[in-house]
Protein backbone atom coordinates (compact mmCIF):
# COMPACT_ATOMS: atom_id res chain seq x y z
CA MET A 1 77.74 100.25 138.40
CA VAL A 2 75.04 98.16 136.74
CA LEU A 3 75.67 94.43 136.96
CA LEU A 4 75.49 92.89 133.51
CA PRO A 5 74.33 89.35 132.70
CA GLU A 6 76.96 86.70 132.26
CA TRP A 7 77.28 84.32 129.30
CA PRO A 8 74.39 81.83 129.20
CA ALA A 9 75.10 78.45 130.71
CA SER A 10 73.73 76.51 127.74
CA ARG A 11 76.20 75.98 124.90
CA ASP A 12 73.74 74.61 122.38
CA VAL A 13 72.02 77.90 121.62
CA ALA A 14 72.59 79.20 118.11
CA VAL A 15 74.00 82.60 119.01
CA VAL A 16 74.20 84.45 122.30
CA PRO A 17 71.66 87.30 122.20
CA HIS A 18 73.37 90.66 121.86
CA ARG A 19 71.63 92.04 124.94
CA GLN A 20 73.08 89.26 127.08
CA ARG A 21 76.65 89.34 125.87
CA ARG A 22 77.33 93.03 125.57
CA TRP A 23 80.18 93.98 127.89
CA ALA A 24 79.70 90.69 129.75
CA PHE A 25 83.25 90.88 131.09
CA ALA A 26 82.57 93.93 133.25
CA ARG A 27 84.77 94.73 136.22
CA PRO A 28 85.28 97.90 138.28
CA ALA A 29 85.66 100.89 136.01
CA LEU A 30 89.05 102.41 135.32
CA ILE A 31 89.03 106.16 134.83
CA LEU A 32 91.35 107.33 132.07
CA SER A 33 92.54 110.88 131.74
CA LEU A 34 93.63 110.77 128.12
CA ALA A 35 91.93 113.13 125.71
CA LEU A 36 90.60 112.10 122.33
CA GLY A 37 90.75 114.30 119.23
CA SER A 38 87.37 115.22 117.82
CA PRO A 39 86.28 115.94 114.26
CA GLY A 40 87.00 119.49 113.28
CA ALA A 41 89.83 119.87 115.81
CA THR A 42 92.69 122.22 114.98
CA ASP A 43 96.19 120.82 114.62
CA ALA A 44 99.43 122.40 115.78
CA GLN A 45 99.69 124.42 112.56
CA GLY A 46 96.25 125.93 113.10
CA SER A 47 94.62 124.07 110.20
CA LYS A 48 91.54 121.88 110.36
CA GLN A 49 92.20 118.18 110.87
CA ALA A 50 89.07 116.31 109.89
CA PHE A 51 90.14 112.75 110.73
CA HIS A 52 91.86 111.12 113.70
CA PRO A 53 92.93 107.57 114.64
CA ASN A 54 90.09 105.52 116.06
CA CYS A 55 89.49 105.21 119.77
CA ALA A 56 90.54 101.55 120.15
CA ALA A 57 93.81 102.07 118.28
CA ARG A 58 94.62 104.82 120.78
CA LYS A 59 94.04 102.24 123.55
CA LEU A 60 91.17 104.26 125.01
CA CYS A 61 88.35 102.01 123.82
CA ASN A 62 89.87 98.52 123.60
CA ARG A 63 88.00 97.39 126.72
CA PRO A 64 84.37 97.28 127.91
CA MET A 65 82.58 100.61 128.05
CA GLU A 66 82.33 100.39 131.84
CA GLU A 67 86.13 100.53 132.06
CA ARG A 68 86.60 103.57 129.84
CA ASP A 69 86.72 107.23 130.71
CA PRO A 70 82.99 108.18 130.71
CA LYS A 71 83.84 111.47 129.02
CA LEU A 72 84.69 109.58 125.83
CA HIS A 73 81.03 108.80 125.33
CA GLU A 74 79.36 111.84 126.81
CA VAL A 75 77.44 114.08 124.42
CA PRO A 76 78.83 117.63 124.70
CA GLU A 77 76.48 120.04 126.44
CA LYS A 78 76.03 122.15 123.30
CA LEU A 79 74.74 119.07 121.46
CA GLN A 80 72.31 117.97 124.16
CA GLY A 81 68.93 117.46 122.54
CA LYS A 82 70.43 117.67 119.06
CA ALA A 83 72.63 114.59 118.83
CA PRO A 84 70.94 111.39 117.60
CA LYS A 85 70.55 108.52 120.03
CA GLY A 86 73.73 106.46 119.89
CA HIS A 87 76.05 109.42 119.27
CA LEU A 88 79.59 108.57 120.50
CA LYS A 89 78.49 105.12 121.67
CA PRO A 90 80.11 101.82 120.61
CA LEU A 91 78.51 99.38 118.20
CA GLY A 92 76.15 97.03 120.02
CA HIS A 93 75.15 99.64 122.60
CA PRO A 94 71.40 99.61 123.48
CA ASP A 95 71.06 102.97 121.74
CA PHE A 96 71.46 101.10 118.42
CA ASP A 97 68.67 98.59 119.15
CA ASP A 98 66.23 100.39 116.86
CA SER A 99 68.31 99.46 113.82
CA TRP A 100 69.16 95.92 114.97
CA ALA A 101 67.97 93.35 112.38
CA GLY A 102 68.64 90.28 114.53
CA GLU A 103 71.25 87.55 114.73
CA ILE A 104 72.47 85.70 111.67
CA ASP A 105 71.33 82.11 111.10
CA ALA A 106 72.98 79.31 113.03
CA VAL A 107 72.94 75.77 111.64
CA GLU A 108 74.52 72.43 112.48
CA ASP A 109 74.92 71.26 108.89
CA MET A 110 74.16 72.43 105.35
CA GLU A 111 74.00 70.82 101.91
CA PRO A 112 75.68 72.52 98.93
CA GLU A 113 72.37 73.08 97.15
CA THR A 114 70.99 74.93 100.17
CA PHE A 115 74.13 77.02 100.45
CA TRP A 116 74.36 78.00 96.78
CA THR A 117 70.66 78.73 96.36
CA LYS A 118 69.74 80.32 99.70
CA TYR A 119 72.89 81.83 101.25
CA TRP A 120 75.45 82.51 98.52
CA PRO A 121 76.43 85.23 97.66
CA LYS A 122 75.21 87.59 100.42
CA LYS A 123 73.87 85.81 103.50
CA PRO A 124 76.22 84.85 106.37
CA PHE A 125 75.64 82.02 108.84
CA ILE A 126 77.34 80.20 111.71
CA MET A 127 77.89 76.45 111.66
CA LYS A 128 77.71 75.60 115.34
CA GLY A 129 80.26 73.15 116.69
CA PHE A 130 81.78 72.17 113.35
CA ALA A 131 85.29 73.37 114.25
CA LYS A 132 85.40 70.77 117.01
CA LYS A 133 85.90 68.16 114.27
CA SER A 134 89.32 69.66 113.52
CA PRO A 135 92.48 68.52 115.33
CA ALA A 136 93.24 72.25 115.56
CA PHE A 137 90.40 72.65 118.08
CA THR A 138 92.55 70.92 120.69
CA LYS A 139 96.09 71.16 119.29
CA TRP A 140 96.12 74.89 118.54
CA LYS A 141 95.13 75.73 122.09
CA ASP A 142 98.65 74.65 123.09
CA ASP A 143 101.42 77.24 122.58
CA THR A 144 104.03 74.50 122.80
CA TYR A 145 102.40 72.56 119.97
CA LEU A 146 102.39 75.65 117.76
CA LEU A 147 106.00 76.39 118.65
CA GLU A 148 107.32 72.89 118.03
CA ASN A 149 105.40 72.25 114.81
CA PHE A 150 105.15 75.64 113.13
CA GLY A 151 107.69 77.85 114.91
CA GLU A 152 110.05 78.10 111.93
CA PHE A 153 107.46 79.65 109.62
CA LYS A 154 107.36 83.37 108.94
CA ALA A 155 104.16 85.25 109.79
CA LYS A 156 102.88 88.77 109.18
CA THR A 157 101.85 90.72 112.28
CA GLU A 158 99.91 93.95 112.78
CA PRO A 159 98.74 96.03 115.77
CA LYS A 160 95.90 94.42 117.73
CA ASN A 161 93.59 97.39 117.24
CA GLU A 162 93.46 98.20 113.58
CA ASP A 163 93.48 101.74 112.24
CA ARG A 164 93.79 102.38 108.49
CA LEU A 165 93.76 106.18 108.41
CA THR A 166 97.28 106.16 107.01
CA ASP A 167 95.95 104.48 103.86
CA TYR A 168 94.35 107.82 103.02
CA CYS A 169 96.68 110.49 104.38
CA GLY A 170 97.33 113.06 101.68
CA ASP A 171 94.75 111.60 99.30
CA PHE A 172 91.57 113.27 98.10
CA LYS A 173 88.62 111.41 99.58
CA MET A 174 85.04 112.48 100.22
CA GLY A 175 85.60 115.77 98.45
CA GLN A 176 88.58 116.85 100.53
CA LYS A 177 92.28 116.27 101.03
CA ILE A 178 92.78 114.01 104.02
CA LYS A 179 94.96 115.85 106.51
CA CYS A 180 96.65 113.64 109.06
CA GLY A 181 98.06 115.29 112.17
CA LYS A 182 100.71 114.47 114.71
CA ASP A 183 98.35 112.07 116.47
CA THR A 184 98.33 109.80 113.41
CA ILE A 185 99.15 106.21 114.29
CA PRO A 186 101.26 104.55 111.58
CA TYR A 187 100.19 101.23 110.16
CA THR A 188 102.94 98.94 111.43
CA GLU A 189 103.63 95.67 109.71
CA THR A 190 106.23 93.22 110.97
CA HIS A 191 107.24 89.82 109.63
CA MET A 192 108.70 87.42 112.15
CA ARG A 193 108.92 83.72 112.76
CA ILE A 194 106.17 82.21 114.85
CA LYS A 195 108.79 80.99 117.33
CA LYS A 196 109.74 84.60 117.98
CA PHE A 197 106.13 85.75 118.32
CA LEU A 198 104.96 83.11 120.80
CA PRO A 199 107.21 83.96 123.78
CA SER A 200 106.00 87.58 123.69
CA PHE A 201 102.39 87.56 122.53
CA ARG A 202 100.91 87.23 126.05
CA LYS A 203 102.72 90.35 127.29
CA SER A 204 100.47 93.40 127.57
CA SER A 205 103.28 95.55 126.17
CA PHE A 206 103.46 93.43 122.99
CA ASP A 207 100.90 95.08 120.73
CA LYS A 208 100.95 92.62 117.84
CA TYR A 209 98.84 89.78 116.54
CA ILE A 210 99.38 87.32 113.74
CA ILE A 211 97.27 87.82 110.63
CA THR A 212 99.06 85.90 107.94
CA GLN A 213 98.90 83.39 105.15
CA MET A 214 98.54 79.99 106.78
CA PRO A 215 101.58 77.70 106.45
CA ASP A 216 100.70 74.58 104.47
CA ALA A 217 101.97 72.46 107.37
CA MET A 218 98.98 73.63 109.45
CA ALA A 219 96.39 72.58 106.87
CA PRO A 220 96.08 68.89 107.97
CA ASP A 221 94.80 70.13 111.36
CA PHE A 222 91.92 72.08 109.76
CA ILE A 223 88.80 70.13 108.66
CA VAL A 224 86.83 72.19 106.14
CA PRO A 225 83.01 72.15 106.02
CA ASN A 226 81.71 70.90 102.67
CA PHE A 227 78.65 73.16 102.28
CA HIS A 228 80.48 75.20 99.61
CA SER A 229 81.31 72.14 97.49
CA CYS A 230 80.32 71.67 93.83
CA GLY A 231 81.85 74.92 92.58
CA LYS A 232 82.01 74.61 88.79
CA ARG A 233 85.44 73.63 87.46
CA ASP A 234 86.76 73.81 83.93
CA VAL A 235 85.92 70.52 82.20
CA ALA A 236 89.65 69.80 81.88
CA ASP A 237 90.48 70.56 85.52
CA PRO A 238 90.92 67.25 87.40
CA GLY A 239 90.66 68.88 90.82
CA PRO A 240 93.10 68.28 93.67
CA GLU A 241 95.38 65.28 93.45
CA GLY A 242 93.85 62.50 95.53
CA GLY A 243 90.65 64.53 95.99
CA GLY A 244 87.99 65.14 93.41
CA ARG A 245 86.25 67.58 91.11
CA TRP A 246 83.45 67.95 93.67
CA MET A 247 85.85 70.01 95.81
CA THR A 248 85.53 73.73 95.13
CA GLN A 249 88.70 75.53 94.09
CA MET A 250 90.07 77.37 97.13
CA TYR A 251 91.94 80.62 96.85
CA GLU A 252 93.93 81.43 100.00
CA ASN A 253 94.25 80.27 103.63
CA ASN A 254 94.84 82.56 106.60
CA PHE A 255 95.81 82.11 110.26
CA TRP A 256 94.99 84.41 113.22
CA LEU A 257 96.63 84.35 116.64
CA SER A 258 96.33 86.99 119.36
CA TYR A 259 96.22 87.33 123.10
CA ASN A 260 94.02 89.90 124.81
CA ASP A 261 94.72 90.08 128.52
CA GLY A 262 92.04 90.84 131.06
CA ASN A 263 89.00 92.46 129.49
CA ASN A 264 90.93 94.02 126.62
CA PHE A 265 89.94 93.09 123.09
CA SER A 266 91.35 93.43 119.59
CA THR A 267 89.40 95.28 116.92
CA SER A 268 89.17 95.54 113.16
CA VAL A 269 87.95 98.53 111.21
CA ILE A 270 84.54 98.47 109.55
CA HIS A 271 85.35 96.91 106.18
CA TYR A 272 84.49 94.33 103.57
CA ASP A 273 86.67 91.78 101.79
CA MET A 274 86.65 90.62 98.19
CA ASN A 275 86.43 86.85 98.74
CA HIS A 276 83.99 84.43 100.34
CA GLN A 277 85.42 83.25 103.66
CA ILE A 278 85.03 80.23 105.90
CA MET A 279 86.50 81.00 109.32
CA CYS A 280 86.71 78.38 112.07
CA GLN A 281 87.32 79.49 115.65
CA PHE A 282 89.63 77.23 117.63
CA ASP A 283 90.16 79.31 120.77
CA GLY A 284 88.64 82.48 122.22
CA THR A 285 85.61 84.41 121.02
CA LYS A 286 84.88 86.89 118.24
CA GLU A 287 81.99 89.33 118.25
CA TRP A 288 80.77 90.29 114.76
CA PHE A 289 78.65 93.19 113.53
CA MET A 290 77.48 93.01 109.91
CA TRP A 291 75.73 95.21 107.34
CA ASP A 292 74.33 94.16 103.96
CA LEU A 293 75.59 96.83 101.57
CA SER A 294 73.06 95.87 98.92
CA SER A 295 70.42 97.53 101.11
CA GLU A 296 72.40 99.76 103.51
CA ALA A 297 75.18 101.28 101.36
CA SER A 298 73.53 104.71 101.14
CA LYS A 299 73.63 105.04 104.95
CA ILE A 300 77.27 104.09 105.52
CA PRO A 301 80.24 106.22 104.39
CA MET A 302 83.13 104.36 102.76
CA TRP A 303 86.56 105.76 102.09
CA SER A 304 86.91 104.85 98.44
CA GLY A 305 83.38 104.17 97.21
CA PHE A 306 84.38 101.00 95.39
CA TYR A 307 81.10 99.20 96.07
CA LYS A 308 78.51 99.22 93.25
CA LYS A 309 75.12 98.75 94.87
CA GLY A 310 73.11 98.09 91.71
CA ARG A 311 75.29 95.12 90.72
CA HIS A 312 76.48 94.08 94.17
CA GLU A 313 80.04 94.31 92.87
CA ALA A 314 83.14 96.20 93.94
CA ASP A 315 86.30 97.47 92.29
CA GLY A 316 88.29 96.59 95.41
CA SER A 317 88.11 96.12 99.17
CA ASP A 318 87.17 99.18 101.20
CA ASP A 319 86.62 100.37 104.76
CA SER A 320 84.60 103.03 106.53
CA PRO A 321 85.79 106.11 108.45
CA ILE A 322 83.22 105.34 111.17
CA ASP A 323 84.82 104.48 114.52
CA GLY A 324 83.18 101.27 115.74
CA GLU A 325 83.87 102.11 119.39
CA ARG A 326 82.79 105.76 119.26
CA VAL A 327 80.27 106.31 116.49
CA ASP A 328 79.99 109.95 115.41
CA LEU A 329 76.33 110.32 114.44
CA MET A 330 76.55 114.09 114.13
CA ARG A 331 78.94 113.57 111.28
CA TRP A 332 77.30 110.46 109.83
CA PRO A 333 73.63 110.77 110.91
CA ALA A 334 72.28 108.25 108.37
CA PHE A 335 74.30 105.47 110.00
CA LYS A 336 71.84 105.35 112.92
CA ASP A 337 69.30 103.81 110.53
CA ALA A 338 71.64 101.27 108.93
CA LYS A 339 70.26 97.80 109.66
CA TRP A 340 72.85 95.62 111.35
CA TYR A 341 73.15 91.96 112.25
CA ASN A 342 75.36 90.33 114.83
CA ALA A 343 76.95 87.00 115.67
CA THR A 344 79.16 85.58 118.38
CA LEU A 345 81.72 83.13 117.07
CA GLU A 346 82.75 80.86 119.93
CA ALA A 347 85.53 78.28 120.01
CA GLY A 348 84.24 75.30 118.05
CA ASP A 349 82.13 77.32 115.59
CA CYS A 350 82.67 78.12 111.90
CA LEU A 351 81.39 81.21 110.10
CA TYR A 352 80.60 81.84 106.45
CA THR A 353 81.29 85.50 105.64
CA PRO A 354 80.23 86.43 102.10
CA ALA A 355 82.42 88.62 99.93
CA LEU A 356 81.42 92.31 100.12
CA LEU A 357 79.68 91.86 103.50
CA LEU A 358 80.56 94.90 105.61
CA HIS A 359 81.67 93.86 109.09
CA TYR A 360 83.38 94.87 112.33
CA VAL A 361 85.01 92.40 114.73
CA ARG A 362 86.07 92.36 118.37
CA SER A 363 88.31 89.47 119.50
CA PHE A 364 88.58 88.32 123.12
CA GLY A 365 91.04 86.21 125.12
CA ARG A 366 93.62 83.94 123.58
CA ASN A 367 92.21 84.00 120.08
CA VAL A 368 93.02 81.44 117.40
CA ALA A 369 91.25 81.04 114.08
CA GLY A 370 91.84 79.54 110.66
CA MET A 371 90.26 80.65 107.43
CA THR A 372 90.00 79.40 103.88
CA MET A 373 88.56 81.41 101.01
CA PHE A 374 87.02 80.97 97.59
CA GLN A 375 86.51 83.69 95.04
CA ARG A 376 83.40 85.51 93.89
CA GLU A 377 83.72 84.03 90.40
CA GLU A 378 82.99 80.52 91.63
CA ARG A 379 79.55 79.21 90.57
CA PHE A 380 77.41 76.26 91.61
CA ASP A 381 77.29 73.16 89.44
CA PRO A 382 74.13 71.20 90.40
CA GLN A 383 75.77 68.08 88.93
CA CYS A 384 78.80 68.66 91.18
CA ASN A 385 81.17 68.34 88.22
CA GLY A 386 79.90 64.82 87.59
CA GLU A 387 80.90 63.47 90.99
CA THR A 388 79.27 62.52 94.27
CA LEU A 389 79.65 64.91 97.20
CA GLY A 390 82.37 63.73 99.54
CA GLU A 391 82.71 64.03 103.31
CA PRO A 392 84.46 67.05 104.89
CA LYS A 393 88.20 66.89 104.25
CA PRO A 394 91.31 68.42 105.80
CA LEU A 395 92.33 71.66 104.14
CA SER A 396 95.55 69.95 103.03
CA GLU A 397 93.55 67.85 100.55
CA TYR A 398 92.19 70.87 98.66
CA ASP A 399 93.91 72.60 95.77
CA VAL A 400 94.58 76.11 97.03
CA MET A 401 95.66 78.74 94.55
CA TRP A 402 98.28 80.36 96.78
CA SER A 403 100.24 78.30 99.29
CA PHE A 404 102.87 79.15 101.88
CA PRO A 405 105.83 79.03 101.93
CA GLU A 406 105.11 77.69 98.41
CA GLU A 407 105.29 74.50 96.37
CA ASP A 408 108.98 74.84 95.59
CA LYS A 409 111.91 77.00 96.67
CA SER A 410 112.55 77.95 93.04
CA LEU A 411 109.35 80.03 92.94
CA LEU A 412 109.55 83.80 93.14
CA GLY A 413 106.91 83.72 95.85
CA TRP A 414 108.78 81.28 98.08
CA ASN A 415 108.45 82.39 101.72
CA VAL A 416 106.55 85.53 100.64
CA VAL A 417 103.30 86.09 102.55
CA LYS A 418 100.90 86.35 99.61
CA MET A 419 97.52 87.80 100.58
CA GLY A 420 95.13 89.06 97.94
CA TYR A 421 97.25 88.00 94.97
CA PRO A 422 95.76 87.48 91.46
CA ASN A 423 93.80 84.41 90.38
CA TRP A 424 96.45 82.91 88.10
CA LYS A 425 94.40 79.81 87.41
CA ARG A 426 91.32 81.58 86.09
CA ARG A 427 93.33 84.33 84.40
CA TYR A 428 95.74 82.06 82.53
CA LEU A 429 94.92 78.34 82.69
CA TRP A 430 91.23 78.80 81.96
CA SER A 431 92.07 81.15 79.08
CA LEU A 432 94.52 78.67 77.56
CA ALA A 433 92.10 75.76 77.98
CA LYS A 434 89.39 77.77 76.24
CA ARG A 435 91.77 78.51 73.36
CA ALA A 436 92.61 74.84 73.06
CA ARG A 437 88.96 73.84 72.76
CA LYS A 438 88.39 76.49 70.09
CA SER A 439 91.43 75.42 68.07
CA GLU A 440 91.51 72.89 65.25
CA GLY A 441 91.13 69.40 66.64
CA LYS A 442 90.46 71.00 70.05
CA LYS A 443 94.17 71.16 70.70
CA LEU A 444 96.41 74.13 71.43
CA GLN A 445 99.21 74.68 68.93
CA LYS A 446 102.73 75.34 70.18
CA GLN A 447 103.08 78.71 68.48
CA ASP A 448 99.83 79.93 70.05
CA PHE A 449 100.97 78.67 73.43
CA LEU A 450 104.35 80.40 73.24
CA LYS A 451 102.75 83.66 72.11
CA PHE A 452 100.21 83.57 74.97
CA VAL A 453 102.75 82.89 77.73
CA GLN A 454 105.24 85.45 76.44
CA GLY A 455 102.45 88.01 76.27
CA ALA A 456 101.33 87.20 79.82
CA GLY A 457 104.86 87.69 81.10
CA LYS A 458 105.58 90.88 79.19
CA GLY A 459 106.90 93.53 81.55
CA SER A 460 107.19 91.12 84.47
CA GLY A 461 110.97 91.09 84.42
CA LEU A 462 111.11 87.31 84.84
CA LYS A 463 114.43 85.85 83.81
CA LYS A 464 114.67 83.01 81.31
CA LEU A 465 110.94 83.19 80.59
CA LYS A 466 111.39 81.98 77.01
CA ALA A 467 113.43 78.95 78.09
CA ARG A 468 110.96 78.15 80.85
CA THR A 469 108.08 78.37 78.40
CA GLU A 470 109.81 75.93 76.04
CA ALA A 471 110.44 73.57 78.94
CA ALA A 472 106.78 73.74 79.98
CA TRP A 473 105.73 72.87 76.44
CA SER A 474 108.07 69.89 76.37
CA GLU A 475 106.54 68.71 79.65
CA MET A 476 103.05 68.91 78.14
CA ASP A 477 104.03 67.48 74.75
CA PRO A 478 106.66 64.80 75.43
CA ALA A 479 105.94 63.05 72.09
CA GLY A 480 106.60 66.24 70.14
CA GLU A 481 103.22 66.27 68.38
CA GLY A 482 103.14 70.08 68.31
CA ALA A 483 99.69 70.33 69.93
CA VAL A 484 98.16 69.55 73.34
CA ASP A 485 94.64 69.28 74.69
CA ALA A 486 93.26 71.28 77.60
CA SER A 487 93.92 68.55 80.19
CA ALA A 488 97.68 68.83 79.59
CA ILE A 489 97.49 72.52 80.44
CA PHE A 490 96.02 71.80 83.88
CA ARG A 491 98.48 68.97 84.59
CA SER A 492 101.66 70.95 83.85
CA ARG A 493 103.66 71.77 86.95
CA GLN A 494 106.12 73.98 85.08
CA LEU A 495 103.35 76.02 83.48
CA ARG A 496 101.72 76.52 86.87
CA PHE A 497 105.03 77.77 88.25
CA ILE A 498 105.42 80.25 85.38
CA PHE A 499 102.00 81.76 85.93
CA LYS A 500 102.50 81.96 89.68
CA ASP A 501 105.80 83.77 89.16
CA ILE A 502 104.21 86.20 86.70
CA CYS A 503 101.53 87.09 89.23
CA VAL A 504 104.02 87.51 92.07
CA ALA A 505 106.14 89.76 89.85
CA GLN A 506 103.06 91.84 89.02
CA GLU A 507 102.47 92.28 92.76
CA GLY A 508 105.96 93.70 93.27
CA GLY A 509 108.07 90.57 93.47
CA ARG A 510 109.42 89.56 96.83
CA GLY A 511 108.55 92.95 98.30
CA GLU A 512 109.69 94.17 101.72
CA GLN A 513 109.24 91.23 104.05
CA GLU A 514 112.52 91.22 105.92
CA GLU A 515 112.12 89.40 109.19
CA ASP A 516 112.10 91.23 112.54
CA VAL A 517 111.90 94.68 110.95
CA GLU A 518 109.01 96.91 111.97
CA VAL A 519 107.79 99.00 109.04
CA ASP A 520 105.76 102.08 110.03
CA ARG A 521 103.68 103.38 107.14
CA TYR A 522 102.33 106.93 107.39
CA ASP A 523 100.68 106.96 103.95
CA LEU A 524 100.62 104.98 100.72
CA LYS A 525 103.04 107.30 98.96
CA GLY A 526 106.23 105.97 100.46
CA ASP A 527 106.42 107.80 103.78
CA THR A 528 107.70 104.89 105.87
CA GLN A 529 110.12 104.32 108.71
CA LYS A 530 111.89 101.07 109.49
CA ARG A 531 113.52 99.82 112.64
CA LYS A 532 114.86 96.54 113.90
CA MET A 533 112.41 94.88 116.26
CA GLU A 534 113.73 94.33 119.76
CA LEU A 535 112.05 91.90 122.16
């Protein structure tokens, strides 16, 4: 077996070169005897099954290549001389060097003007060492600290090696009906309290990791870089209480926790997300592969085709059928020419991942990360909303659109893990503020307000919406003048609660988030199985 280089001794390099870090955790190979389904295989009924679960999800490729069954990556004899270089190899293999575009930028600091004019909205970068400023860098390395301080909070968990084939079973995609066979691995989602997760997450038999909305109680431990500051706010929006208008409106916060024993690693699918993300790594390492769809979209198949190359927009998040650990270049030959970038996110680093950036991630060791997001609609204000840029602040000092468990137990979304929910502030508050400024005297009349809120809540099924709307008006107009300016709209707690509840109702209400129940989903049409989780 070839001896591979170890991690470089120096920790001040920007990013570890991909040649040096690939499979750096090598140990004597383990020979596996499990077979892997191949494209075009015939299922038990004798019909063609075009798609199969990915190799890592089947636990055949969730470790370095040297420890896998060599047959998984061998080119069949009949394809010798015909298969493109890289066929059936994992991402990052030397066979993909011809399409490697280099490592992403690594910086120690960045001003908002540089970020908004040179990196936003498409160019990722690593901020080396910034996560070390966060208390989480030391505190979140301790299981006991997490248990004692956040153990009572509910978290969403998923399998460590992601496979999303079941999102498409039975649907028509890529000109065909997606047939899923008996080897299909269901997407399993489980909600449990962190205190129940922690005693089991180091066990090799416990195939779950936390990927959830971050509890608000964790936010003081997370110092946020300020490179993304100066996002333009509505003129009537005061910004976070105790903070300032220079702070960009944040959308959602997430928390990751996994344990990968030995040389095993967790994997994502190749996908893009709809929001700009700032991820800080507090323990473990993540290996990233990235593709710029604005130039590479024609070479990479996507399940739903939501991405619009000409406008660099998308109708929704999407992922690719390409298996990142066993790339089928006979089926997707153009992918061999897709230019890719890479990055290694080490404990203490933060990463800016732009919305719509296609990426694939491997996670190693005990892996802890926090993330905060802002939406694609945010725009740079060179005047920083009339304020001076402040120093980096804890995440708890930002106004975040969706919190967890929530601001108040009366809310419909209380203790609901809310990921990817609508932008209630831009959809409703901004619209009302705009109406107020266009109205006579630049004030919103009560009748217009009532009509707008009732219209927004139509079909939501919210109880006592009319009474709540009247109460919100009274809060905004305590003197009974019959009209309010835009600033009152942004200050109203009751109005904010109404709009949050409307959005939660539109997303299905409280949904199915019963604790300690494993939900196996075999497609998106309701074919699910539930069982009580036993540990």
